[in-house]
Amino acid sequence: MKLIYEWNEITVRLLDEKDEQLLVQWLSDPVVLQYYEGRDQPHDLNLVREHFYSQEDTAHRCMVEHEGKPLGYIQFYELEEEERNEYGYGDTDGIIYGTDQFIGEVDYWNRGIGAQLVQSMLAYLVNERQARKVVMDPQTWNDRAIACYEKCGFRKVRLLPEHELHEGQMRDCWLMEYAP
């Protein structure tokens, strides 16, 4: 287990091979897929391996545990030139990170664990990785996620029209920014 950090009841560690089946379980649940990946994209073991274990990028893909129970996923990555330009940060100095996350155990939704996770990741990225900004791009219809991110100090900075393919449609997203 390669630990990234622990913060109160939250532990974030790099994905391990043993996590594959949990990701399959979560990413084949239509309730989870409605918000992450889309209900038309159920993941089997091969798709989980392709999306989470075989990528050749710089993202850190992690399991989220709450009080020792694996219940979600988070990835974080430093924005590279292409993303910086796409988001309007092309001429901005400083380290900018992006994150994506979901709670896969739906019994743990609406308990404040998502906010704890986001707050802990912000603390880690700002204090340990010297992030000057942290960004996310939730779909505009995902009110619960947006409210969570705003509660954690993010603000909407720009509409990204038709930014993400979700359930067969290009969906608008908000570029949300946290700047300590």
N, C-alpha and C. Protein backbone atom coordinates (compact mmCIF):
# COMPACT_ATOMS: atom_id res chain seq x y z
N MET A 1 0.86 -1.19 0.00
CA MET A 1 0.00 0.00 0.00
C MET A 1 0.90 1.24 0.00
N LYS A 2 0.75 2.08 -1.02
CA LYS A 2 1.53 3.31 -1.09
C LYS A 2 0.65 4.47 -0.62
N LEU A 3 0.85 4.87 0.62
CA LEU A 3 0.05 5.91 1.25
C LEU A 3 0.39 7.27 0.66
N ILE A 4 -0.63 8.04 0.31
CA ILE A 4 -0.45 9.42 -0.12
C ILE A 4 -0.57 10.32 1.11
N TYR A 5 -1.70 10.20 1.85
CA TYR A 5 -1.85 10.94 3.10
C TYR A 5 -3.00 10.38 3.92
N GLU A 6 -3.02 10.75 5.20
CA GLU A 6 -4.13 10.48 6.11
C GLU A 6 -4.56 11.82 6.69
N TRP A 7 -5.86 12.02 6.83
CA TRP A 7 -6.40 13.28 7.33
C TRP A 7 -7.70 12.96 8.06
N ASN A 8 -7.71 13.10 9.36
CA ASN A 8 -8.86 12.70 10.18
C ASN A 8 -9.25 11.25 9.84
N GLU A 9 -10.47 11.01 9.41
CA GLU A 9 -10.90 9.63 9.10
C GLU A 9 -10.60 9.23 7.66
N ILE A 10 -10.01 10.14 6.87
CA ILE A 10 -9.78 9.89 5.43
C ILE A 10 -8.35 9.40 5.21
N THR A 11 -8.22 8.32 4.45
CA THR A 11 -6.92 7.84 3.98
C THR A 11 -6.98 7.82 2.46
N VAL A 12 -5.94 8.34 1.83
CA VAL A 12 -5.82 8.30 0.37
C VAL A 12 -4.52 7.58 0.06
N ARG A 13 -4.64 6.51 -0.74
CA ARG A 13 -3.47 5.72 -1.12
C ARG A 13 -3.55 5.38 -2.61
N LEU A 14 -2.41 5.12 -3.20
CA LEU A 14 -2.39 4.75 -4.61
C LEU A 14 -3.18 3.47 -4.83
N LEU A 15 -3.82 3.37 -6.00
CA LEU A 15 -4.55 2.15 -6.34
C LEU A 15 -3.60 0.97 -6.32
N ASP A 16 -4.14 -0.15 -5.90
CA ASP A 16 -3.44 -1.41 -5.86
C ASP A 16 -4.24 -2.38 -6.74
N GLU A 17 -3.60 -3.44 -7.17
CA GLU A 17 -4.30 -4.43 -7.99
C GLU A 17 -5.53 -4.97 -7.27
N LYS A 18 -5.47 -5.08 -5.95
CA LYS A 18 -6.60 -5.62 -5.19
C LYS A 18 -7.83 -4.71 -5.25
N ASP A 19 -7.68 -3.48 -5.72
CA ASP A 19 -8.80 -2.54 -5.79
C ASP A 19 -9.64 -2.70 -7.06
N GLU A 20 -9.16 -3.51 -8.00
CA GLU A 20 -9.86 -3.65 -9.29
C GLU A 20 -11.32 -4.04 -9.11
N GLN A 21 -11.59 -5.02 -8.26
CA GLN A 21 -12.96 -5.52 -8.13
C GLN A 21 -13.89 -4.48 -7.51
N LEU A 22 -13.38 -3.67 -6.59
CA LEU A 22 -14.20 -2.59 -6.04
C LEU A 22 -14.56 -1.58 -7.13
N LEU A 23 -13.59 -1.23 -7.96
CA LEU A 23 -13.86 -0.29 -9.06
C LEU A 23 -14.88 -0.88 -10.02
N VAL A 24 -14.78 -2.16 -10.32
CA VAL A 24 -15.77 -2.82 -11.18
C VAL A 24 -17.15 -2.72 -10.54
N GLN A 25 -17.22 -3.02 -9.24
CA GLN A 25 -18.51 -2.98 -8.53
C GLN A 25 -19.11 -1.58 -8.60
N TRP A 26 -18.32 -0.57 -8.25
CA TRP A 26 -18.83 0.79 -8.23
C TRP A 26 -19.20 1.28 -9.63
N LEU A 27 -18.35 0.98 -10.61
CA LEU A 27 -18.53 1.52 -11.95
C LEU A 27 -19.40 0.62 -12.83
N SER A 28 -20.12 -0.29 -12.20
CA SER A 28 -21.18 -1.02 -12.89
C SER A 28 -22.53 -0.74 -12.21
N ASP A 29 -22.51 0.12 -11.20
CA ASP A 29 -23.73 0.51 -10.48
C ASP A 29 -24.33 1.74 -11.18
N PRO A 30 -25.54 1.62 -11.74
CA PRO A 30 -26.14 2.75 -12.47
C PRO A 30 -26.29 4.01 -11.62
N VAL A 31 -26.45 3.86 -10.30
CA VAL A 31 -26.59 5.03 -9.43
C VAL A 31 -25.29 5.82 -9.41
N VAL A 32 -24.15 5.14 -9.33
CA VAL A 32 -22.84 5.81 -9.37
C VAL A 32 -22.58 6.33 -10.77
N LEU A 33 -22.87 5.50 -11.78
CA LEU A 33 -22.57 5.87 -13.16
C LEU A 33 -23.36 7.10 -13.63
N GLN A 34 -24.50 7.35 -13.01
CA GLN A 34 -25.27 8.54 -13.38
C GLN A 34 -24.42 9.80 -13.22
N TYR A 35 -23.50 9.79 -12.24
CA TYR A 35 -22.68 10.96 -11.95
C TYR A 35 -21.25 10.83 -12.45
N TYR A 36 -20.75 9.61 -12.62
CA TYR A 36 -19.34 9.41 -12.98
C TYR A 36 -19.29 8.40 -14.11
N GLU A 37 -18.83 8.80 -15.25
CA GLU A 37 -18.66 7.99 -16.46
C GLU A 37 -19.94 7.88 -17.29
N GLY A 38 -21.11 7.75 -16.68
CA GLY A 38 -22.36 7.63 -17.42
C GLY A 38 -22.91 6.22 -17.38
N ARG A 39 -24.24 6.12 -17.32
CA ARG A 39 -24.89 4.81 -17.21
C ARG A 39 -24.71 3.97 -18.47
N ASP A 40 -24.31 4.61 -19.56
CA ASP A 40 -24.05 3.86 -20.79
C ASP A 40 -22.61 3.34 -20.84
N GLN A 41 -21.86 3.51 -19.75
CA GLN A 41 -20.45 3.09 -19.70
C GLN A 41 -20.16 2.18 -18.51
N PRO A 42 -20.97 1.12 -18.30
CA PRO A 42 -20.63 0.23 -17.19
C PRO A 42 -19.26 -0.40 -17.43
N HIS A 43 -18.49 -0.50 -16.37
CA HIS A 43 -17.12 -1.01 -16.47
C HIS A 43 -17.04 -2.46 -16.04
N ASP A 44 -16.43 -3.28 -16.88
CA ASP A 44 -16.05 -4.63 -16.47
C ASP A 44 -14.56 -4.58 -16.11
N LEU A 45 -13.99 -5.72 -15.77
CA LEU A 45 -12.60 -5.75 -15.32
C LEU A 45 -11.65 -5.21 -16.38
N ASN A 46 -11.89 -5.55 -17.65
CA ASN A 46 -10.99 -5.07 -18.71
C ASN A 46 -11.04 -3.55 -18.84
N LEU A 47 -12.23 -2.97 -18.75
CA LEU A 47 -12.36 -1.51 -18.87
C LEU A 47 -11.74 -0.80 -17.65
N VAL A 48 -11.92 -1.37 -16.46
CA VAL A 48 -11.27 -0.81 -15.27
C VAL A 48 -9.76 -0.83 -15.45
N ARG A 49 -9.24 -1.94 -15.90
CA ARG A 49 -7.78 -2.03 -16.10
C ARG A 49 -7.31 -1.00 -17.13
N GLU A 50 -8.07 -0.84 -18.20
CA GLU A 50 -7.71 0.12 -19.25
C GLU A 50 -7.75 1.57 -18.73
N HIS A 51 -8.81 1.93 -18.02
CA HIS A 51 -9.01 3.32 -17.58
C HIS A 51 -8.21 3.70 -16.34
N PHE A 52 -7.93 2.74 -15.47
CA PHE A 52 -7.34 3.07 -14.17
C PHE A 52 -5.94 2.52 -13.94
N TYR A 53 -5.52 1.54 -14.73
CA TYR A 53 -4.24 0.91 -14.48
C TYR A 53 -3.28 0.97 -15.67
N SER A 54 -3.75 1.29 -16.86
CA SER A 54 -2.90 1.22 -18.05
C SER A 54 -2.64 2.57 -18.69
N GLN A 55 -3.00 3.64 -18.01
CA GLN A 55 -2.83 4.97 -18.60
C GLN A 55 -1.36 5.39 -18.55
N GLU A 56 -0.94 6.09 -19.57
CA GLU A 56 0.45 6.54 -19.68
C GLU A 56 0.55 8.03 -19.37
N ASP A 57 -0.19 8.51 -18.40
CA ASP A 57 -0.17 9.93 -18.07
C ASP A 57 0.42 10.14 -16.67
N THR A 58 0.34 11.34 -16.18
CA THR A 58 0.97 11.66 -14.89
C THR A 58 -0.03 11.71 -13.73
N ALA A 59 -1.26 11.26 -13.95
CA ALA A 59 -2.26 11.29 -12.88
C ALA A 59 -1.91 10.27 -11.80
N HIS A 60 -2.18 10.67 -10.57
CA HIS A 60 -2.05 9.78 -9.42
C HIS A 60 -3.45 9.25 -9.13
N ARG A 61 -3.66 7.96 -9.35
CA ARG A 61 -4.98 7.34 -9.18
C ARG A 61 -5.02 6.66 -7.82
N CYS A 62 -6.02 7.04 -7.02
CA CYS A 62 -6.00 6.64 -5.61
C CYS A 62 -7.33 6.07 -5.13
N MET A 63 -7.22 5.19 -4.15
CA MET A 63 -8.36 4.67 -3.40
C MET A 63 -8.57 5.59 -2.20
N VAL A 64 -9.82 5.84 -1.90
CA VAL A 64 -10.20 6.64 -0.73
C VAL A 64 -10.79 5.69 0.30
N GLU A 65 -10.29 5.78 1.52
CA GLU A 65 -10.83 5.00 2.62
C GLU A 65 -11.34 5.96 3.69
N HIS A 66 -12.44 5.56 4.32
CA HIS A 66 -13.00 6.32 5.44
C HIS A 66 -13.06 5.37 6.62
N GLU A 67 -12.33 5.71 7.68
CA GLU A 67 -12.23 4.84 8.86
C GLU A 67 -11.85 3.42 8.46
N GLY A 68 -10.92 3.31 7.49
CA GLY A 68 -10.41 2.01 7.06
C GLY A 68 -11.22 1.30 6.00
N LYS A 69 -12.41 1.81 5.65
CA LYS A 69 -13.25 1.16 4.65
C LYS A 69 -13.06 1.84 3.29
N PRO A 70 -12.66 1.07 2.27
CA PRO A 70 -12.57 1.65 0.93
C PRO A 70 -13.96 2.05 0.45
N LEU A 71 -14.11 3.32 0.04
CA LEU A 71 -15.44 3.75 -0.39
C LEU A 71 -15.44 4.71 -1.57
N GLY A 72 -14.27 5.00 -2.13
CA GLY A 72 -14.28 5.90 -3.26
C GLY A 72 -12.94 6.00 -3.95
N TYR A 73 -12.91 6.87 -4.92
CA TYR A 73 -11.76 7.03 -5.81
C TYR A 73 -11.47 8.52 -5.96
N ILE A 74 -10.18 8.86 -6.05
CA ILE A 74 -9.79 10.23 -6.39
C ILE A 74 -8.52 10.15 -7.23
N GLN A 75 -8.43 11.05 -8.19
CA GLN A 75 -7.18 11.20 -8.93
C GLN A 75 -6.80 12.67 -8.92
N PHE A 76 -5.48 12.90 -8.90
CA PHE A 76 -4.99 14.27 -8.97
C PHE A 76 -3.82 14.31 -9.92
N TYR A 77 -3.65 15.46 -10.55
CA TYR A 77 -2.64 15.60 -11.60
C TYR A 77 -2.31 17.06 -11.77
N GLU A 78 -1.05 17.34 -12.06
CA GLU A 78 -0.66 18.71 -12.37
C GLU A 78 -1.12 19.00 -13.79
N LEU A 79 -1.76 20.16 -13.98
CA LEU A 79 -2.21 20.52 -15.33
C LEU A 79 -1.01 20.73 -16.23
N GLU A 80 -1.09 20.12 -17.40
CA GLU A 80 -0.03 20.28 -18.39
C GLU A 80 -0.45 21.39 -19.35
N GLU A 81 0.43 21.74 -20.27
CA GLU A 81 0.24 22.91 -21.12
C GLU A 81 -1.10 22.91 -21.85
N GLU A 82 -1.48 21.78 -22.41
CA GLU A 82 -2.73 21.72 -23.18
C GLU A 82 -3.94 22.06 -22.30
N GLU A 83 -4.01 21.46 -21.10
CA GLU A 83 -5.12 21.75 -20.19
C GLU A 83 -5.06 23.18 -19.68
N ARG A 84 -3.85 23.66 -19.39
CA ARG A 84 -3.71 25.05 -18.93
C ARG A 84 -4.28 26.00 -19.98
N ASN A 85 -3.96 25.77 -21.24
CA ASN A 85 -4.48 26.62 -22.32
C ASN A 85 -5.99 26.48 -22.45
N GLU A 86 -6.49 25.25 -22.41
CA GLU A 86 -7.93 25.00 -22.55
C GLU A 86 -8.72 25.71 -21.45
N TYR A 87 -8.17 25.73 -20.24
CA TYR A 87 -8.87 26.34 -19.10
C TYR A 87 -8.58 27.82 -18.93
N GLY A 88 -7.72 28.39 -19.77
CA GLY A 88 -7.42 29.82 -19.68
C GLY A 88 -6.29 30.16 -18.73
N TYR A 89 -5.42 29.20 -18.43
CA TYR A 89 -4.29 29.44 -17.54
C TYR A 89 -2.96 29.40 -18.28
N GLY A 90 -3.00 29.53 -19.61
CA GLY A 90 -1.80 29.38 -20.41
C GLY A 90 -0.66 30.29 -20.04
N ASP A 91 -0.96 31.52 -19.63
CA ASP A 91 0.10 32.47 -19.31
C ASP A 91 0.20 32.70 -17.80
N THR A 92 -0.32 31.77 -17.01
CA THR A 92 -0.30 31.89 -15.56
C THR A 92 0.87 31.10 -14.99
N ASP A 93 1.64 31.74 -14.13
CA ASP A 93 2.72 31.04 -13.45
C ASP A 93 2.14 30.27 -12.27
N GLY A 94 2.90 29.34 -11.78
CA GLY A 94 2.49 28.60 -10.59
C GLY A 94 1.93 27.24 -10.93
N ILE A 95 1.97 26.38 -9.93
CA ILE A 95 1.54 24.99 -10.08
C ILE A 95 0.03 24.93 -9.94
N ILE A 96 -0.63 24.28 -10.90
CA ILE A 96 -2.08 24.11 -10.88
C ILE A 96 -2.37 22.62 -10.97
N TYR A 97 -3.18 22.14 -10.04
CA TYR A 97 -3.59 20.73 -10.03
C TYR A 97 -5.06 20.62 -10.38
N GLY A 98 -5.42 19.49 -10.97
CA GLY A 98 -6.81 19.11 -11.18
C GLY A 98 -7.11 17.85 -10.40
N THR A 99 -8.37 17.67 -10.04
CA THR A 99 -8.80 16.44 -9.36
C THR A 99 -10.13 15.98 -9.94
N ASP A 100 -10.37 14.69 -9.82
CA ASP A 100 -11.65 14.05 -10.14
C ASP A 100 -11.87 13.02 -9.05
N GLN A 101 -13.10 12.85 -8.62
CA GLN A 101 -13.38 11.92 -7.54
C GLN A 101 -14.82 11.46 -7.55
N PHE A 102 -15.05 10.34 -6.88
CA PHE A 102 -16.42 9.89 -6.62
C PHE A 102 -16.43 9.00 -5.39
N ILE A 103 -17.57 8.99 -4.72
CA ILE A 103 -17.81 8.05 -3.63
C ILE A 103 -18.59 6.90 -4.27
N GLY A 104 -18.01 5.71 -4.26
CA GLY A 104 -18.63 4.56 -4.91
C GLY A 104 -19.62 3.81 -4.04
N GLU A 105 -19.51 3.98 -2.74
CA GLU A 105 -20.43 3.33 -1.80
C GLU A 105 -21.59 4.30 -1.54
N VAL A 106 -22.71 4.07 -2.21
CA VAL A 106 -23.81 5.05 -2.16
C VAL A 106 -24.40 5.20 -0.76
N ASP A 107 -24.22 4.21 0.11
CA ASP A 107 -24.70 4.34 1.50
C ASP A 107 -23.94 5.43 2.24
N TYR A 108 -22.81 5.87 1.70
CA TYR A 108 -21.99 6.90 2.34
C TYR A 108 -22.22 8.29 1.72
N TRP A 109 -23.15 8.39 0.79
CA TRP A 109 -23.47 9.69 0.21
C TRP A 109 -24.22 10.52 1.25
N ASN A 110 -24.13 11.83 1.10
CA ASN A 110 -24.87 12.79 1.94
C ASN A 110 -24.50 12.69 3.42
N ARG A 111 -23.25 12.35 3.70
CA ARG A 111 -22.75 12.27 5.08
C ARG A 111 -21.61 13.25 5.32
N GLY A 112 -21.27 14.06 4.30
CA GLY A 112 -20.17 15.01 4.45
C GLY A 112 -18.80 14.42 4.15
N ILE A 113 -18.76 13.16 3.75
CA ILE A 113 -17.47 12.50 3.48
C ILE A 113 -16.84 13.08 2.22
N GLY A 114 -17.65 13.40 1.22
CA GLY A 114 -17.11 14.02 0.00
C GLY A 114 -16.42 15.34 0.32
N ALA A 115 -17.04 16.15 1.18
CA ALA A 115 -16.42 17.43 1.57
C ALA A 115 -15.13 17.18 2.34
N GLN A 116 -15.12 16.18 3.24
CA GLN A 116 -13.89 15.85 3.95
C GLN A 116 -12.79 15.45 2.96
N LEU A 117 -13.16 14.65 1.98
CA LEU A 117 -12.20 14.20 0.98
C LEU A 117 -11.63 15.39 0.21
N VAL A 118 -12.50 16.26 -0.28
CA VAL A 118 -12.04 17.41 -1.07
C VAL A 118 -11.17 18.33 -0.21
N GLN A 119 -11.60 18.61 1.03
CA GLN A 119 -10.80 19.46 1.92
C GLN A 119 -9.44 18.85 2.20
N SER A 120 -9.39 17.54 2.40
CA SER A 120 -8.11 16.89 2.69
C SER A 120 -7.20 16.94 1.47
N MET A 121 -7.76 16.74 0.28
CA MET A 121 -6.95 16.80 -0.93
C MET A 121 -6.44 18.22 -1.16
N LEU A 122 -7.27 19.22 -0.91
CA LEU A 122 -6.81 20.60 -1.04
C LEU A 122 -5.63 20.87 -0.10
N ALA A 123 -5.75 20.44 1.15
CA ALA A 123 -4.66 20.64 2.11
C ALA A 123 -3.39 19.95 1.62
N TYR A 124 -3.53 18.74 1.12
CA TYR A 124 -2.37 18.00 0.62
C TYR A 124 -1.73 18.70 -0.58
N LEU A 125 -2.55 19.10 -1.55
CA LEU A 125 -2.00 19.71 -2.77
C LEU A 125 -1.36 21.06 -2.49
N VAL A 126 -1.97 21.85 -1.61
CA VAL A 126 -1.42 23.17 -1.30
C VAL A 126 -0.16 23.04 -0.43
N ASN A 127 -0.22 22.22 0.60
CA ASN A 127 0.88 22.14 1.57
C ASN A 127 2.03 21.25 1.13
N GLU A 128 1.72 20.13 0.46
CA GLU A 128 2.76 19.17 0.11
C GLU A 128 3.23 19.31 -1.35
N ARG A 129 2.34 19.75 -2.23
CA ARG A 129 2.67 19.83 -3.65
C ARG A 129 2.78 21.28 -4.14
N GLN A 130 2.64 22.24 -3.23
CA GLN A 130 2.78 23.67 -3.51
C GLN A 130 1.84 24.17 -4.61
N ALA A 131 0.64 23.62 -4.67
CA ALA A 131 -0.35 24.06 -5.66
C ALA A 131 -0.74 25.52 -5.39
N ARG A 132 -0.79 26.32 -6.43
CA ARG A 132 -1.25 27.70 -6.34
C ARG A 132 -2.75 27.76 -6.62
N LYS A 133 -3.23 26.81 -7.40
CA LYS A 133 -4.66 26.68 -7.69
C LYS A 133 -4.97 25.20 -7.83
N VAL A 134 -6.22 24.85 -7.54
CA VAL A 134 -6.73 23.50 -7.78
C VAL A 134 -8.04 23.69 -8.55
N VAL A 135 -8.22 22.91 -9.61
CA VAL A 135 -9.41 23.07 -10.45
C VAL A 135 -10.15 21.74 -10.60
N MET A 136 -11.44 21.88 -10.87
CA MET A 136 -12.32 20.75 -11.20
C MET A 136 -13.27 21.23 -12.28
N ASP A 137 -13.87 20.26 -12.99
CA ASP A 137 -14.81 20.65 -14.05
C ASP A 137 -16.09 19.80 -14.01
N PRO A 138 -16.89 19.96 -12.94
CA PRO A 138 -18.14 19.18 -12.85
C PRO A 138 -19.14 19.62 -13.92
N GLN A 139 -19.98 18.66 -14.31
CA GLN A 139 -21.05 19.00 -15.24
C GLN A 139 -22.04 19.94 -14.55
N THR A 140 -22.58 20.87 -15.33
CA THR A 140 -23.39 21.95 -14.75
C THR A 140 -24.65 21.45 -14.04
N TRP A 141 -25.16 20.28 -14.41
CA TRP A 141 -26.38 19.76 -13.80
C TRP A 141 -26.12 19.05 -12.47
N ASN A 142 -24.84 18.83 -12.11
CA ASN A 142 -24.51 18.05 -10.92
C ASN A 142 -24.48 18.96 -9.68
N ASP A 143 -25.67 19.37 -9.27
CA ASP A 143 -25.82 20.35 -8.19
C ASP A 143 -25.19 19.91 -6.88
N ARG A 144 -25.31 18.63 -6.55
CA ARG A 144 -24.77 18.15 -5.27
C ARG A 144 -23.24 18.29 -5.25
N ALA A 145 -22.58 17.89 -6.33
CA ALA A 145 -21.12 18.01 -6.38
C ALA A 145 -20.70 19.48 -6.34
N ILE A 146 -21.38 20.31 -7.11
CA ILE A 146 -21.03 21.73 -7.15
C ILE A 146 -21.20 22.36 -5.76
N ALA A 147 -22.28 22.02 -5.06
CA ALA A 147 -22.49 22.55 -3.71
C ALA A 147 -21.38 22.09 -2.77
N CYS A 148 -20.96 20.85 -2.89
CA CYS A 148 -19.86 20.32 -2.07
C CYS A 148 -18.58 21.11 -2.35
N TYR A 149 -18.26 21.32 -3.62
CA TYR A 149 -17.02 22.02 -3.97
C TYR A 149 -17.07 23.48 -3.50
N GLU A 150 -18.23 24.12 -3.64
CA GLU A 150 -18.34 25.50 -3.15
C GLU A 150 -18.18 25.56 -1.64
N LYS A 151 -18.73 24.59 -0.93
CA LYS A 151 -18.59 24.51 0.52
C LYS A 151 -17.10 24.42 0.92
N CYS A 152 -16.30 23.81 0.03
CA CYS A 152 -14.87 23.61 0.31
C CYS A 152 -14.02 24.79 -0.18
N GLY A 153 -14.65 25.83 -0.74
CA GLY A 153 -13.90 27.02 -1.13
C GLY A 153 -13.68 27.19 -2.62
N PHE A 154 -14.21 26.28 -3.43
CA PHE A 154 -14.12 26.45 -4.88
C PHE A 154 -15.13 27.49 -5.33
N ARG A 155 -14.82 28.14 -6.46
CA ARG A 155 -15.79 29.05 -7.06
C ARG A 155 -15.84 28.78 -8.56
N LYS A 156 -17.01 29.00 -9.13
CA LYS A 156 -17.18 28.85 -10.58
C LYS A 156 -16.44 30.00 -11.25
N VAL A 157 -15.57 29.69 -12.21
CA VAL A 157 -14.84 30.75 -12.88
C VAL A 157 -15.15 30.84 -14.37
N ARG A 158 -15.65 29.74 -14.96
CA ARG A 158 -15.90 29.78 -16.40
C ARG A 158 -16.78 28.61 -16.82
N LEU A 159 -17.72 28.90 -17.70
CA LEU A 159 -18.53 27.85 -18.30
C LEU A 159 -17.73 27.20 -19.42
N LEU A 160 -17.72 25.88 -19.44
CA LEU A 160 -17.05 25.12 -20.50
C LEU A 160 -18.13 24.43 -21.33
N PRO A 161 -18.59 25.08 -22.42
CA PRO A 161 -19.70 24.51 -23.20
C PRO A 161 -19.31 23.19 -23.86
N GLU A 162 -20.25 22.25 -23.82
CA GLU A 162 -20.07 20.94 -24.47
C GLU A 162 -18.67 20.37 -24.22
N HIS A 163 -18.31 20.31 -22.96
CA HIS A 163 -16.94 19.96 -22.54
C HIS A 163 -16.72 18.46 -22.36
N GLU A 164 -17.78 17.72 -21.99
CA GLU A 164 -17.58 16.31 -21.63
C GLU A 164 -18.70 15.45 -22.20
N LEU A 165 -18.31 14.34 -22.80
CA LEU A 165 -19.29 13.38 -23.29
C LEU A 165 -19.83 12.58 -22.11
N HIS A 166 -21.14 12.61 -21.93
CA HIS A 166 -21.78 11.89 -20.83
C HIS A 166 -23.11 11.36 -21.32
N GLU A 167 -23.26 10.05 -21.28
CA GLU A 167 -24.50 9.38 -21.70
C GLU A 167 -24.93 9.82 -23.09
N GLY A 168 -23.97 9.85 -24.01
CA GLY A 168 -24.26 10.10 -25.41
C GLY A 168 -24.41 11.56 -25.80
N GLN A 169 -24.24 12.48 -24.86
CA GLN A 169 -24.38 13.90 -25.17
C GLN A 169 -23.16 14.66 -24.68
N MET A 170 -22.80 15.70 -25.42
CA MET A 170 -21.75 16.60 -24.94
C MET A 170 -22.39 17.51 -23.90
N ARG A 171 -21.84 17.52 -22.70
CA ARG A 171 -22.42 18.26 -21.59
C ARG A 171 -21.57 19.48 -21.24
N ASP A 172 -22.27 20.54 -20.82
CA ASP A 172 -21.59 21.73 -20.32
C ASP A 172 -21.03 21.42 -18.93
N CYS A 173 -19.89 22.03 -18.63
CA CYS A 173 -19.25 21.88 -17.33
C CYS A 173 -18.89 23.26 -16.80
N TRP A 174 -18.72 23.33 -15.49
CA TRP A 174 -18.18 24.52 -14.87
C TRP A 174 -16.71 24.29 -14.60
N LEU A 175 -15.87 25.25 -14.96
CA LEU A 175 -14.52 25.25 -14.46
C LEU A 175 -14.61 25.87 -13.07
N MET A 176 -14.24 25.09 -12.06
CA MET A 176 -14.27 25.57 -10.68
C MET A 176 -12.84 25.63 -10.18
N GLU A 177 -12.54 26.68 -9.40
CA GLU A 177 -11.17 26.94 -8.99
C GLU A 177 -11.11 27.16 -7.49
N TYR A 178 -10.07 26.61 -6.87
CA TYR A 178 -9.73 26.90 -5.49
C TYR A 178 -8.37 27.58 -5.54
N ALA A 179 -8.28 28.77 -4.97
CA ALA A 179 -7.02 29.50 -4.92
C ALA A 179 -6.77 29.91 -3.47
N PRO A 180 -5.81 29.25 -2.80
CA PRO A 180 -5.59 29.53 -1.36
C PRO A 180 -5.15 30.97 -1.12
